[in-house]
Amino acid sequence: MLKLNDVSAQYNILTGYVKAVDKVDFEVKKNEIFGIAGESGCGKSTLLKVMYDLIQYPLEISNGNVEIHSSDKSGTPVIYNNGEIHKSWWKVISYVPQGAMHVMNPVARIKNQFFDAISKYHDITDKKVLQQEILNYLKELELPPEVLKAFPHQLSGGMRQRILIALATFLKPDIVLADEPTTALDVVVQRGILTMLMQVQKKMKNSIVIVSHDMGVHYQITNRMGIMYAGQMIEVAPTEEIFNNPRHPYTKMLINAIPKIGDNSSREGIPGTPPSLKNPPVGCRFAARCPHAMDICRTVEPERVYMSEEHYASCHLLN
């Protein structure tokens, strides 16, 4: 459904470039939930913007290509590339951005926000017919119809997030990108949001790419995962493999930091801090924090090593 070919992206600032995404190369399959995990500032949200073709100054793509494989109304295969993906927004690919309150128009009712977003891409121009379709869809998602009359500030954080998901999936897109959809929500509300995403994906049989620093979220709903560090995708594998057989030292340390029920032993965070993406170090970017670092790690960038067809990691230890 979606393929990234050696994609690099950077922010053009006054004093140089911040290389937020560097040589990222992976694909998202049809009818799967793919998770992207990593520390804050590792490039996860920037990667989603690149995938969505939301390229605005100072962000720019410096290398590589993003492909979306879809089909038109007649069933003819269609491929969208960088610069063309925005033509497929809402119908082929949609985006659930981070922070529902900051995304919605604070002075417009939810009903009007649906109208404004969908009318550009929907064939129906009759507002009464469109409103009935929206009501039917909200009913499918078990959302109260009264929310259409409300302003964003009158809704809870969890309800605003549900509305964003409903808006992003109304036109049944092939791919949904979700950026930290459960951030700043309590665990009960988080469960509701994740359940809603899974129900939508199961019904539409589309693909979802979900970004979260919460490994528990990925464990619950994703089929495959990618681990990002300092702008690079350092390990990709089925979610079960990531948790049961992580191969990159960074992935292992992420897994070991997760509290486990019944285990009262203390958990240790990862020492040190990620490197600056304005001037990233040569070699492996995790070398300064890695307890297994060798001399080669500080001078030579590690190549991708495949443990299986679906599991690879970039680490010198694997050789």
C-alpha atoms as a PDB file:
ATOM      1  CA  MET A   1       0.000   0.000   0.000  1.00  0.00           C
ATOM      2  CA  LEU A   2       2.729   2.450   0.953  1.00  0.00           C
ATOM      3  CA  LYS A   3       6.446   2.270   0.225  1.00  0.00           C
ATOM      4  CA  LEU A   4       9.343   4.495   1.265  1.00  0.00           C
ATOM      5  CA  ASN A   5      12.486   4.310  -0.828  1.00  0.00           C
ATOM      6  CA  ASP A   6      15.596   5.708   0.912  1.00  0.00           C
ATOM      7  CA  VAL A   7      13.693   8.787   2.122  1.00  0.00           C
ATOM      8  CA  SER A   8      15.524  11.683   3.786  1.00  0.00           C
ATOM      9  CA  ALA A   9      13.932  14.924   4.958  1.00  0.00           C
ATOM     10  CA  GLN A  10      15.313  17.967   6.730  1.00  0.00           C
ATOM     11  CA  TYR A  11      14.322  21.305   8.226  1.00  0.00           C
ATOM     12  CA  ASN A  12      15.939  24.323   6.628  1.00  0.00           C
ATOM     13  CA  ILE A  13      16.860  26.652   9.480  1.00  0.00           C
ATOM     14  CA  LEU A  14      18.914  29.838   9.449  1.00  0.00           C
ATOM     15  CA  THR A  15      22.066  28.143  10.672  1.00  0.00           C
ATOM     16  CA  GLY A  16      21.881  24.979   8.561  1.00  0.00           C
ATOM     17  CA  TYR A  17      19.754  21.856   8.303  1.00  0.00           C
ATOM     18  CA  VAL A  18      18.191  19.564  10.885  1.00  0.00           C
ATOM     19  CA  LYS A  19      18.191  16.073   9.351  1.00  0.00           C
ATOM     20  CA  ALA A  20      14.993  14.789  10.943  1.00  0.00           C
ATOM     21  CA  VAL A  21      14.576  11.745   8.660  1.00  0.00           C
ATOM     22  CA  ASP A  22      17.587   9.968   7.216  1.00  0.00           C
ATOM     23  CA  LYS A  23      17.589   7.113   4.661  1.00  0.00           C
ATOM     24  CA  VAL A  24      14.322   5.567   5.828  1.00  0.00           C
ATOM     25  CA  ASP A  25      13.306   2.561   3.779  1.00  0.00           C
ATOM     26  CA  PHE A  26      10.299   0.325   4.563  1.00  0.00           C
ATOM     27  CA  GLU A  27       6.823  -0.580   3.315  1.00  0.00           C
ATOM     28  CA  VAL A  28       3.328  -0.853   4.769  1.00  0.00           C
ATOM     29  CA  LYS A  29       1.267  -3.818   3.635  1.00  0.00           C
ATOM     30  CA  LYS A  30      -2.407  -3.950   2.830  1.00  0.00           C
ATOM     31  CA  ASN A  31      -4.768  -4.569   5.751  1.00  0.00           C
ATOM     32  CA  GLU A  32      -2.204  -4.167   8.541  1.00  0.00           C
ATOM     33  CA  ILE A  33      -1.487  -1.822  11.437  1.00  0.00           C
ATOM     34  CA  PHE A  34       2.130  -0.678  11.334  1.00  0.00           C
ATOM     35  CA  GLY A  35       3.596   1.023  14.396  1.00  0.00           C
ATOM     36  CA  ILE A  36       6.474   3.505  14.602  1.00  0.00           C
ATOM     37  CA  ALA A  37       8.122   3.843  18.020  1.00  0.00           C
ATOM     38  CA  GLY A  38      11.023   5.774  19.479  1.00  0.00           C
ATOM     39  CA  GLU A  39      11.970   8.573  21.843  1.00  0.00           C
ATOM     40  CA  SER A  40      10.611  12.085  21.462  1.00  0.00           C
ATOM     41  CA  GLY A  41      12.502  14.017  18.807  1.00  0.00           C
ATOM     42  CA  CYS A  42      13.591  10.973  16.801  1.00  0.00           C
ATOM     43  CA  GLY A  43      11.667  12.039  13.678  1.00  0.00           C
ATOM     44  CA  LYS A  44       8.430  10.040  13.972  1.00  0.00           C
ATOM     45  CA  SER A  45       6.005  12.915  13.376  1.00  0.00           C
ATOM     46  CA  THR A  46       8.179  14.342  10.595  1.00  0.00           C
ATOM     47  CA  LEU A  47       8.161  10.953   8.894  1.00  0.00           C
ATOM     48  CA  LEU A  48       4.346  10.932   8.965  1.00  0.00           C
ATOM     49  CA  LYS A  49       4.254  14.381   7.352  1.00  0.00           C
ATOM     50  CA  VAL A  50       6.576  13.145   4.606  1.00  0.00           C
ATOM     51  CA  MET A  51       4.362  10.101   4.039  1.00  0.00           C
ATOM     52  CA  TYR A  52       1.301  12.369   3.871  1.00  0.00           C
ATOM     53  CA  ASP A  53       3.018  14.783   1.465  1.00  0.00           C
ATOM     54  CA  LEU A  54       2.509  17.587   3.962  1.00  0.00           C
ATOM     55  CA  ILE A  55       5.737  19.319   2.965  1.00  0.00           C
ATOM     56  CA  GLN A  56       5.757  22.940   4.088  1.00  0.00           C
ATOM     57  CA  TYR A  57       8.674  25.284   4.738  1.00  0.00           C
ATOM     58  CA  PRO A  58      10.991  24.774   6.545  1.00  0.00           C
ATOM     59  CA  LEU A  59      10.498  21.015   5.945  1.00  0.00           C
ATOM     60  CA  GLU A  60      11.829  19.648   2.663  1.00  0.00           C
ATOM     61  CA  ILE A  61      12.573  16.226   1.177  1.00  0.00           C
ATOM     62  CA  SER A  62      16.260  15.925   0.356  1.00  0.00           C
ATOM     63  CA  ASN A  63      16.289  12.394  -1.035  1.00  0.00           C
ATOM     64  CA  GLY A  64      14.171   9.370  -1.884  1.00  0.00           C
ATOM     65  CA  ASN A  65      10.569   8.815  -2.791  1.00  0.00           C
ATOM     66  CA  VAL A  66       7.242   7.856  -1.192  1.00  0.00           C
ATOM     67  CA  GLU A  67       4.835   5.684  -3.182  1.00  0.00           C
ATOM     68  CA  ILE A  68       1.177   4.960  -2.490  1.00  0.00           C
ATOM     69  CA  HIS A  69      -0.357   2.090  -4.435  1.00  0.00           C
ATOM     70  CA  SER A  70      -4.115   2.397  -4.898  1.00  0.00           C
ATOM     71  CA  SER A  71      -6.762   2.097  -7.627  1.00  0.00           C
ATOM     72  CA  ASP A  72      -9.317   4.412  -9.224  1.00  0.00           C
ATOM     73  CA  LYS A  73     -13.093   3.902  -9.443  1.00  0.00           C
ATOM     74  CA  SER A  74     -12.689   1.488 -12.338  1.00  0.00           C
ATOM     75  CA  GLY A  75     -10.198  -0.621 -10.404  1.00  0.00           C
ATOM     76  CA  THR A  76      -7.191   0.489 -12.449  1.00  0.00           C
ATOM     77  CA  PRO A  77      -3.985   0.550 -10.355  1.00  0.00           C
ATOM     78  CA  VAL A  78      -2.745   4.048  -9.524  1.00  0.00           C
ATOM     79  CA  ILE A  79       0.592   5.031  -7.982  1.00  0.00           C
ATOM     80  CA  TYR A  80       0.985   8.384  -6.208  1.00  0.00           C
ATOM     81  CA  ASN A  81       4.499   9.766  -5.627  1.00  0.00           C
ATOM     82  CA  ASN A  82       5.980  12.746  -3.791  1.00  0.00           C
ATOM     83  CA  GLY A  83       4.176  15.909  -4.854  1.00  0.00           C
ATOM     84  CA  GLU A  84       1.127  13.916  -6.016  1.00  0.00           C
ATOM     85  CA  ILE A  85       0.015  12.295  -2.776  1.00  0.00           C
ATOM     86  CA  HIS A  86      -1.841  15.437  -1.664  1.00  0.00           C
ATOM     87  CA  LYS A  87      -4.235  14.861  -4.584  1.00  0.00           C
ATOM     88  CA  SER A  88      -5.369  11.658  -2.858  1.00  0.00           C
ATOM     89  CA  TRP A  89      -5.982  13.153   0.601  1.00  0.00           C
ATOM     90  CA  TRP A  90      -9.057  11.844   2.467  1.00  0.00           C
ATOM     91  CA  LYS A  91     -10.045   9.338  -0.237  1.00  0.00           C
ATOM     92  CA  VAL A  92      -6.805   7.321  -0.447  1.00  0.00           C
ATOM     93  CA  ILE A  93      -4.762   8.543   2.517  1.00  0.00           C
ATOM     94  CA  SER A  94      -5.836  10.527   5.572  1.00  0.00           C
ATOM     95  CA  TYR A  95      -4.089  11.936   8.609  1.00  0.00           C
ATOM     96  CA  VAL A  96      -4.999  12.119  12.297  1.00  0.00           C
ATOM     97  CA  PRO A  97      -2.640  14.817  13.614  1.00  0.00           C
ATOM     98  CA  GLN A  98      -1.397  15.145  17.167  1.00  0.00           C
ATOM     99  CA  GLY A  99      -3.407  17.334  19.542  1.00  0.00           C
ATOM    100  CA  ALA A 100      -7.089  17.449  18.572  1.00  0.00           C
ATOM    101  CA  MET A 101      -7.719  20.777  20.312  1.00  0.00           C
ATOM    102  CA  HIS A 102      -4.999  22.511  18.300  1.00  0.00           C
ATOM    103  CA  VAL A 103      -6.210  21.073  14.987  1.00  0.00           C
ATOM    104  CA  MET A 104      -9.913  21.898  15.096  1.00  0.00           C
ATOM    105  CA  ASN A 105     -11.325  25.344  14.435  1.00  0.00           C
ATOM    106  CA  PRO A 106     -12.286  26.617  17.928  1.00  0.00           C
ATOM    107  CA  VAL A 107     -15.106  28.854  16.642  1.00  0.00           C
ATOM    108  CA  ALA A 108     -16.792  26.356  14.300  1.00  0.00           C
ATOM    109  CA  ARG A 109     -19.248  23.647  15.282  1.00  0.00           C
ATOM    110  CA  ILE A 110     -18.187  20.051  14.626  1.00  0.00           C
ATOM    111  CA  LYS A 111     -20.885  19.744  11.956  1.00  0.00           C
ATOM    112  CA  ASN A 112     -19.409  22.622   9.939  1.00  0.00           C
ATOM    113  CA  GLN A 113     -15.908  21.215  10.300  1.00  0.00           C
ATOM    114  CA  PHE A 114     -17.130  17.964   8.756  1.00  0.00           C
ATOM    115  CA  PHE A 115     -18.790  19.911   5.930  1.00  0.00           C
ATOM    116  CA  ASP A 116     -15.710  22.025   5.220  1.00  0.00           C
ATOM    117  CA  ALA A 117     -13.315  19.079   5.172  1.00  0.00           C
ATOM    118  CA  ILE A 118     -15.449  16.586   3.252  1.00  0.00           C
ATOM    119  CA  SER A 119     -17.224  18.827   0.712  1.00  0.00           C
ATOM    120  CA  LYS A 120     -13.981  19.297  -1.246  1.00  0.00           C
ATOM    121  CA  TYR A 121     -13.662  15.569  -1.869  1.00  0.00           C
ATOM    122  CA  HIS A 122     -17.215  14.220  -1.605  1.00  0.00           C
ATOM    123  CA  ASP A 123     -19.503  13.840  -4.605  1.00  0.00           C
ATOM    124  CA  ILE A 124     -22.640  14.865  -2.683  1.00  0.00           C
ATOM    125  CA  THR A 125     -23.250  18.629  -2.561  1.00  0.00           C
ATOM    126  CA  ASP A 126     -26.604  18.495  -0.737  1.00  0.00           C
ATOM    127  CA  LYS A 127     -25.802  19.313   2.889  1.00  0.00           C
ATOM    128  CA  LYS A 128     -28.863  17.467   4.215  1.00  0.00           C
ATOM    129  CA  VAL A 129     -27.818  14.275   2.461  1.00  0.00           C
ATOM    130  CA  LEU A 130     -24.222  14.721   3.618  1.00  0.00           C
ATOM    131  CA  GLN A 131     -25.326  15.396   7.191  1.00  0.00           C
ATOM    132  CA  GLN A 132     -27.386  12.191   7.207  1.00  0.00           C
ATOM    133  CA  GLU A 133     -24.369  10.237   5.962  1.00  0.00           C
ATOM    134  CA  ILE A 134     -22.264  11.771   8.745  1.00  0.00           C
ATOM    135  CA  LEU A 135     -24.908  10.876  11.341  1.00  0.00           C
ATOM    136  CA  ASN A 136     -25.047   7.299  10.067  1.00  0.00           C
ATOM    137  CA  TYR A 137     -21.276   7.019  10.286  1.00  0.00           C
ATOM    138  CA  LEU A 138     -21.153   8.444  13.808  1.00  0.00           C
ATOM    139  CA  LYS A 139     -23.783   5.866  14.777  1.00  0.00           C
ATOM    140  CA  GLU A 140     -21.588   3.091  13.349  1.00  0.00           C
ATOM    141  CA  LEU A 141     -18.735   4.326  15.534  1.00  0.00           C
ATOM    142  CA  GLU A 142     -21.061   4.572  18.555  1.00  0.00           C
ATOM    143  CA  LEU A 143     -20.619   8.341  18.802  1.00  0.00           C
ATOM    144  CA  PRO A 144     -23.586  10.497  19.963  1.00  0.00           C
ATOM    145  CA  PRO A 145     -25.135  12.631  17.171  1.00  0.00           C
ATOM    146  CA  GLU A 146     -25.267  15.618  19.545  1.00  0.00           C
ATOM    147  CA  VAL A 147     -21.532  16.183  19.066  1.00  0.00           C
ATOM    148  CA  LEU A 148     -22.220  17.720  15.654  1.00  0.00           C
ATOM    149  CA  LYS A 149     -23.817  20.736  17.335  1.00  0.00           C
ATOM    150  CA  ALA A 150     -20.948  21.232  19.780  1.00  0.00           C
ATOM    151  CA  PHE A 151     -17.857  23.408  19.610  1.00  0.00           C
ATOM    152  CA  PRO A 152     -14.486  21.690  20.194  1.00  0.00           C
ATOM    153  CA  HIS A 153     -14.004  23.192  23.658  1.00  0.00           C
ATOM    154  CA  GLN A 154     -17.317  21.667  24.776  1.00  0.00           C
ATOM    155  CA  LEU A 155     -16.014  18.143  24.192  1.00  0.00           C
ATOM    156  CA  SER A 156     -13.596  16.098  26.271  1.00  0.00           C
ATOM    157  CA  GLY A 157     -10.123  15.314  24.939  1.00  0.00           C
ATOM    158  CA  GLY A 158     -11.112  11.727  24.229  1.00  0.00           C
ATOM    159  CA  MET A 159     -14.253  12.744  22.337  1.00  0.00           C
ATOM    160  CA  ARG A 160     -12.324  15.279  20.241  1.00  0.00           C
ATOM    161  CA  GLN A 161      -9.856  12.533  19.344  1.00  0.00           C
ATOM    162  CA  ARG A 162     -12.716  10.216  18.352  1.00  0.00           C
ATOM    163  CA  ILE A 163     -14.192  12.954  16.176  1.00  0.00           C
ATOM    164  CA  LEU A 164     -10.834  13.408  14.427  1.00  0.00           C
ATOM    165  CA  ILE A 165     -10.651   9.683  13.710  1.00  0.00           C
ATOM    166  CA  ALA A 166     -14.236   9.707  12.400  1.00  0.00           C
ATOM    167  CA  LEU A 167     -13.414  12.656  10.152  1.00  0.00           C
ATOM    168  CA  ALA A 168     -10.238  11.031   8.842  1.00  0.00           C
ATOM    169  CA  THR A 169     -11.973   7.736   8.041  1.00  0.00           C
ATOM    170  CA  PHE A 170     -15.328   8.999   6.739  1.00  0.00           C
ATOM    171  CA  LEU A 171     -14.381   8.587   3.062  1.00  0.00           C
ATOM    172  CA  LYS A 172     -12.947   5.104   3.737  1.00  0.00           C
ATOM    173  CA  PRO A 173      -9.311   5.803   2.775  1.00  0.00           C
ATOM    174  CA  ASP A 174      -6.874   2.986   2.026  1.00  0.00           C
ATOM    175  CA  ILE A 175      -4.295   4.348   4.492  1.00  0.00           C
ATOM    176  CA  VAL A 176      -4.744   6.210   7.784  1.00  0.00           C
ATOM    177  CA  LEU A 177      -1.787   7.927   9.461  1.00  0.00           C
ATOM    178  CA  ALA A 178      -2.282   8.492  13.195  1.00  0.00           C
ATOM    179  CA  ASP A 179       0.190  10.643  15.118  1.00  0.00           C
ATOM    180  CA  GLU A 180       0.167   9.939  18.866  1.00  0.00           C
ATOM    181  CA  PRO A 181      -3.639   9.458  18.996  1.00  0.00           C
ATOM    182  CA  THR A 182      -3.635   8.585  22.719  1.00  0.00           C
ATOM    183  CA  THR A 183      -1.238  11.239  24.073  1.00  0.00           C
ATOM    184  CA  ALA A 184      -2.386  13.094  27.225  1.00  0.00           C
ATOM    185  CA  LEU A 185      -5.409  10.787  27.675  1.00  0.00           C
ATOM    186  CA  ASP A 186      -6.031   8.553  30.675  1.00  0.00           C
ATOM    187  CA  VAL A 187      -5.729   4.799  30.229  1.00  0.00           C
ATOM    188  CA  VAL A 188      -9.505   4.193  30.077  1.00  0.00           C
ATOM    189  CA  VAL A 189      -9.945   6.741  27.295  1.00  0.00           C
ATOM    190  CA  GLN A 190      -6.832   5.405  25.561  1.00  0.00           C
ATOM    191  CA  ARG A 191      -8.418   1.971  25.445  1.00  0.00           C
ATOM    192  CA  GLY A 192     -11.537   3.442  23.820  1.00  0.00           C
ATOM    193  CA  ILE A 193      -9.493   5.257  21.173  1.00  0.00           C
ATOM    194  CA  LEU A 194      -7.440   2.152  20.343  1.00  0.00           C
ATOM    195  CA  THR A 195     -10.551  -0.023  20.193  1.00  0.00           C
ATOM    196  CA  MET A 196     -12.149   2.456  17.813  1.00  0.00           C
ATOM    197  CA  LEU A 197      -9.087   2.434  15.538  1.00  0.00           C
ATOM    198  CA  MET A 198      -9.046  -1.364  15.477  1.00  0.00           C
ATOM    199  CA  GLN A 199     -12.767  -1.540  14.697  1.00  0.00           C
ATOM    200  CA  VAL A 200     -12.387   0.909  11.811  1.00  0.00           C
ATOM    201  CA  GLN A 201      -9.412  -1.002  10.413  1.00  0.00           C
ATOM    202  CA  LYS A 202     -11.172  -4.360  10.714  1.00  0.00           C
ATOM    203  CA  LYS A 203     -14.291  -3.084   8.953  1.00  0.00           C
ATOM    204  CA  MET A 204     -12.577  -1.167   6.148  1.00  0.00           C
ATOM    205  CA  LYS A 205      -9.627  -3.559   5.803  1.00  0.00           C
ATOM    206  CA  ASN A 206      -7.352  -0.586   5.258  1.00  0.00           C
ATOM    207  CA  SER A 207      -3.828   0.059   6.524  1.00  0.00           C
ATOM    208  CA  ILE A 208      -3.019   2.169   9.567  1.00  0.00           C
ATOM    209  CA  VAL A 209       0.349   3.678  10.459  1.00  0.00           C
ATOM    210  CA  ILE A 210       0.356   4.690  14.115  1.00  0.00           C
ATOM    211  CA  VAL A 211       3.098   6.737  15.753  1.00  0.00           C
ATOM    212  CA  SER A 212       3.520   6.453  19.506  1.00  0.00           C
ATOM    213  CA  HIS A 213       6.329   6.507  22.063  1.00  0.00           C
ATOM    214  CA  ASP A 214       4.181   4.178  24.202  1.00  0.00           C
ATOM    215  CA  MET A 215       5.347   0.636  23.531  1.00  0.00           C
ATOM    216  CA  GLY A 216       2.223  -0.713  25.255  1.00  0.00           C
ATOM    217  CA  VAL A 217       0.062   0.859  22.537  1.00  0.00           C
ATOM    218  CA  HIS A 218       2.049  -0.921  19.842  1.00  0.00           C
ATOM    219  CA  TYR A 219       1.904  -4.219  21.688  1.00  0.00           C
ATOM    220  CA  GLN A 220      -1.898  -4.047  21.843  1.00  0.00           C
ATOM    221  CA  ILE A 221      -2.811  -3.164  18.268  1.00  0.00           C
ATOM    222  CA  THR A 222       0.039  -3.298  15.731  1.00  0.00           C
ATOM    223  CA  ASN A 223       0.980  -6.179  13.412  1.00  0.00           C
ATOM    224  CA  ARG A 224       4.472  -4.908  12.576  1.00  0.00           C
ATOM    225  CA  MET A 225       6.702  -2.229  14.022  1.00  0.00           C
ATOM    226  CA  GLY A 226       9.541   0.056  13.095  1.00  0.00           C
ATOM    227  CA  ILE A 227      11.918   1.433  15.736  1.00  0.00           C
ATOM    228  CA  MET A 228      13.302   4.907  15.023  1.00  0.00           C
ATOM    229  CA  TYR A 229      16.368   6.477  16.551  1.00  0.00           C
ATOM    230  CA  ALA A 230      17.870   9.856  15.632  1.00  0.00           C
ATOM    231  CA  GLY A 231      16.015  10.027  12.318  1.00  0.00           C
ATOM    232  CA  GLN A 232      16.796   6.479  11.190  1.00  0.00           C
ATOM    233  CA  MET A 233      14.699   3.305  11.126  1.00  0.00           C
ATOM    234  CA  ILE A 234      17.018   0.937  12.974  1.00  0.00           C
ATOM    235  CA  GLU A 235      14.810  -2.163  13.291  1.00  0.00           C
ATOM    236  CA  VAL A 236      11.661  -3.438  11.582  1.00  0.00           C
ATOM    237  CA  ALA A 237       9.887  -6.685  12.463  1.00  0.00           C
ATOM    238  CA  PRO A 238       6.523  -8.217  13.351  1.00  0.00           C
ATOM    239  CA  THR A 239       5.412  -6.792  16.693  1.00  0.00           C
ATOM    240  CA  GLU A 240       5.687 -10.151  18.431  1.00  0.00           C
ATOM    241  CA  GLU A 241       9.301 -10.432  17.246  1.00  0.00           C
ATOM    242  CA  ILE A 242      10.124  -6.931  18.467  1.00  0.00           C
ATOM    243  CA  PHE A 243       8.919  -7.759  21.983  1.00  0.00           C
ATOM    244  CA  ASN A 244      10.134 -11.354  22.212  1.00  0.00           C
ATOM    245  CA  ASN A 245      13.329 -11.236  20.174  1.00  0.00           C
ATOM    246  CA  PRO A 246      14.618  -7.658  19.770  1.00  0.00           C
ATOM    247  CA  ARG A 247      17.998  -7.545  18.041  1.00  0.00           C
ATOM    248  CA  HIS A 248      19.144  -3.911  18.146  1.00  0.00           C
ATOM    249  CA  PRO A 249      20.549  -2.788  21.550  1.00  0.00           C
ATOM    250  CA  TYR A 250      18.287   0.283  21.516  1.00  0.00           C
ATOM    251  CA  THR A 251      15.196  -1.849  20.941  1.00  0.00           C
ATOM    252  CA  LYS A 252      16.255  -4.187  23.758  1.00  0.00           C
ATOM    253  CA  MET A 253      16.658  -1.254  26.140  1.00  0.00           C
ATOM    254  CA  LEU A 254      13.227   0.112  25.173  1.00  0.00           C
ATOM    255  CA  ILE A 255      11.626  -3.266  25.885  1.00  0.00           C
ATOM    256  CA  ASN A 256      13.499  -3.677  29.188  1.00  0.00           C
ATOM    257  CA  ALA A 257      12.292  -0.266  30.363  1.00  0.00           C
ATOM    258  CA  ILE A 258       8.620  -1.325  30.182  1.00  0.00           C
ATOM    259  CA  PRO A 259       7.047  -2.154  33.582  1.00  0.00           C
ATOM    260  CA  LYS A 260       5.653  -5.695  33.725  1.00  0.00           C
ATOM    261  CA  ILE A 261       2.784  -6.938  35.880  1.00  0.00           C
ATOM    262  CA  GLY A 262       4.091  -9.006  38.783  1.00  0.00           C
ATOM    263  CA  ASP A 263       7.678  -7.865  38.290  1.00  0.00           C
ATOM    264  CA  ASN A 264       8.678  -5.565  41.153  1.00  0.00           C
ATOM    265  CA  SER A 265      12.276  -5.084  40.063  1.00  0.00           C
ATOM    266  CA  SER A 266      13.371  -1.536  39.280  1.00  0.00           C
ATOM    267  CA  ARG A 267      13.401  -0.344  35.684  1.00  0.00           C
ATOM    268  CA  GLU A 268      16.298   1.585  34.206  1.00  0.00           C
ATOM    269  CA  GLY A 269      16.010   4.301  31.622  1.00  0.00           C
ATOM    270  CA  ILE A 270      18.374   4.562  28.674  1.00  0.00           C
ATOM    271  CA  PRO A 271      21.442   6.575  29.778  1.00  0.00           C
ATOM    272  CA  GLY A 272      22.530   9.671  27.912  1.00  0.00           C
ATOM    273  CA  THR A 273      20.615  11.703  25.357  1.00  0.00           C
ATOM    274  CA  PRO A 274      20.013  11.338  21.598  1.00  0.00           C
ATOM    275  CA  PRO A 275      22.508  13.150  19.339  1.00  0.00           C
ATOM    276  CA  SER A 276      21.785  16.461  17.659  1.00  0.00           C
ATOM    277  CA  LEU A 277      20.136  15.982  14.272  1.00  0.00           C
ATOM    278  CA  LYS A 278      21.716  19.198  13.080  1.00  0.00           C
ATOM    279  CA  ASN A 279      25.128  17.571  13.190  1.00  0.00           C
ATOM    280  CA  PRO A 280      24.626  13.806  13.682  1.00  0.00           C
ATOM    281  CA  PRO A 281      27.692  11.718  14.530  1.00  0.00           C
ATOM    282  CA  VAL A 282      29.414   9.450  12.036  1.00  0.00           C
ATOM    283  CA  GLY A 283      29.014   5.712  12.402  1.00  0.00           C
ATOM    284  CA  CYS A 284      26.146   4.350  14.479  1.00  0.00           C
ATOM    285  CA  ARG A 285      24.116   7.154  16.022  1.00  0.00           C
ATOM    286  CA  PHE A 286      23.407   5.068  19.112  1.00  0.00           C
ATOM    287  CA  ALA A 287      27.089   4.292  19.777  1.00  0.00           C
ATOM    288  CA  ALA A 288      27.549   6.947  22.489  1.00  0.00           C
ATOM    289  CA  ARG A 289      24.737   5.372  24.559  1.00  0.00           C
ATOM    290  CA  CYS A 290      25.250   1.719  23.660  1.00  0.00           C
ATOM    291  CA  PRO A 291      26.888  -0.534  26.307  1.00  0.00           C
ATOM    292  CA  HIS A 292      28.157  -2.848  23.532  1.00  0.00           C
ATOM    293  CA  ALA A 293      29.703  -0.200  21.273  1.00  0.00           C
ATOM    294  CA  MET A 294      32.898  -1.138  19.439  1.00  0.00           C
ATOM    295  CA  ASP A 295      35.435   1.015  17.619  1.00  0.00           C
ATOM    296  CA  ILE A 296      33.773   0.316  14.266  1.00  0.00           C
ATOM    297  CA  CYS A 297      30.473   1.618  15.644  1.00  0.00           C
ATOM    298  CA  ARG A 298      31.953   5.106  16.010  1.00  0.00           C
ATOM    299  CA  THR A 299      33.365   5.290  12.487  1.00  0.00           C
ATOM    300  CA  VAL A 300      31.252   3.150  10.128  1.00  0.00           C
ATOM    301  CA  GLU A 301      27.498   3.380   9.691  1.00  0.00           C
ATOM    302  CA  PRO A 302      25.996  -0.111  10.208  1.00  0.00           C
ATOM    303  CA  GLU A 303      24.303  -1.836   7.298  1.00  0.00           C
ATOM    304  CA  ARG A 304      20.946  -3.534   7.437  1.00  0.00           C
ATOM    305  CA  VAL A 305      21.113  -7.187   8.526  1.00  0.00           C
ATOM    306  CA  TYR A 306      18.183  -9.542   7.871  1.00  0.00           C
ATOM    307  CA  MET A 307      17.293 -12.154  10.484  1.00  0.00           C
ATOM    308  CA  SER A 308      14.320 -13.193   8.361  1.00  0.00           C
ATOM    309  CA  GLU A 309      12.375 -11.815   5.419  1.00  0.00           C
ATOM    310  CA  GLU A 310      10.352  -9.537   7.718  1.00  0.00           C
ATOM    311  CA  HIS A 311      12.899  -8.827  10.466  1.00  0.00           C
ATOM    312  CA  TYR A 312      15.952  -6.643   9.971  1.00  0.00           C
ATOM    313  CA  ALA A 313      18.088  -4.334  12.083  1.00  0.00           C
ATOM    314  CA  SER A 314      21.060  -2.050  11.525  1.00  0.00           C
ATOM    315  CA  CYS A 315      23.781  -2.987  13.993  1.00  0.00           C
ATOM    316  CA  HIS A 316      27.426  -4.098  13.726  1.00  0.00           C
ATOM    317  CA  LEU A 317      26.892  -6.661  16.501  1.00  0.00           C
ATOM    318  CA  LEU A 318      24.684  -8.695  14.183  1.00  0.00           C
ATOM    319  CA  ASN A 319      27.648  -9.350  11.906  1.00  0.00           C
END
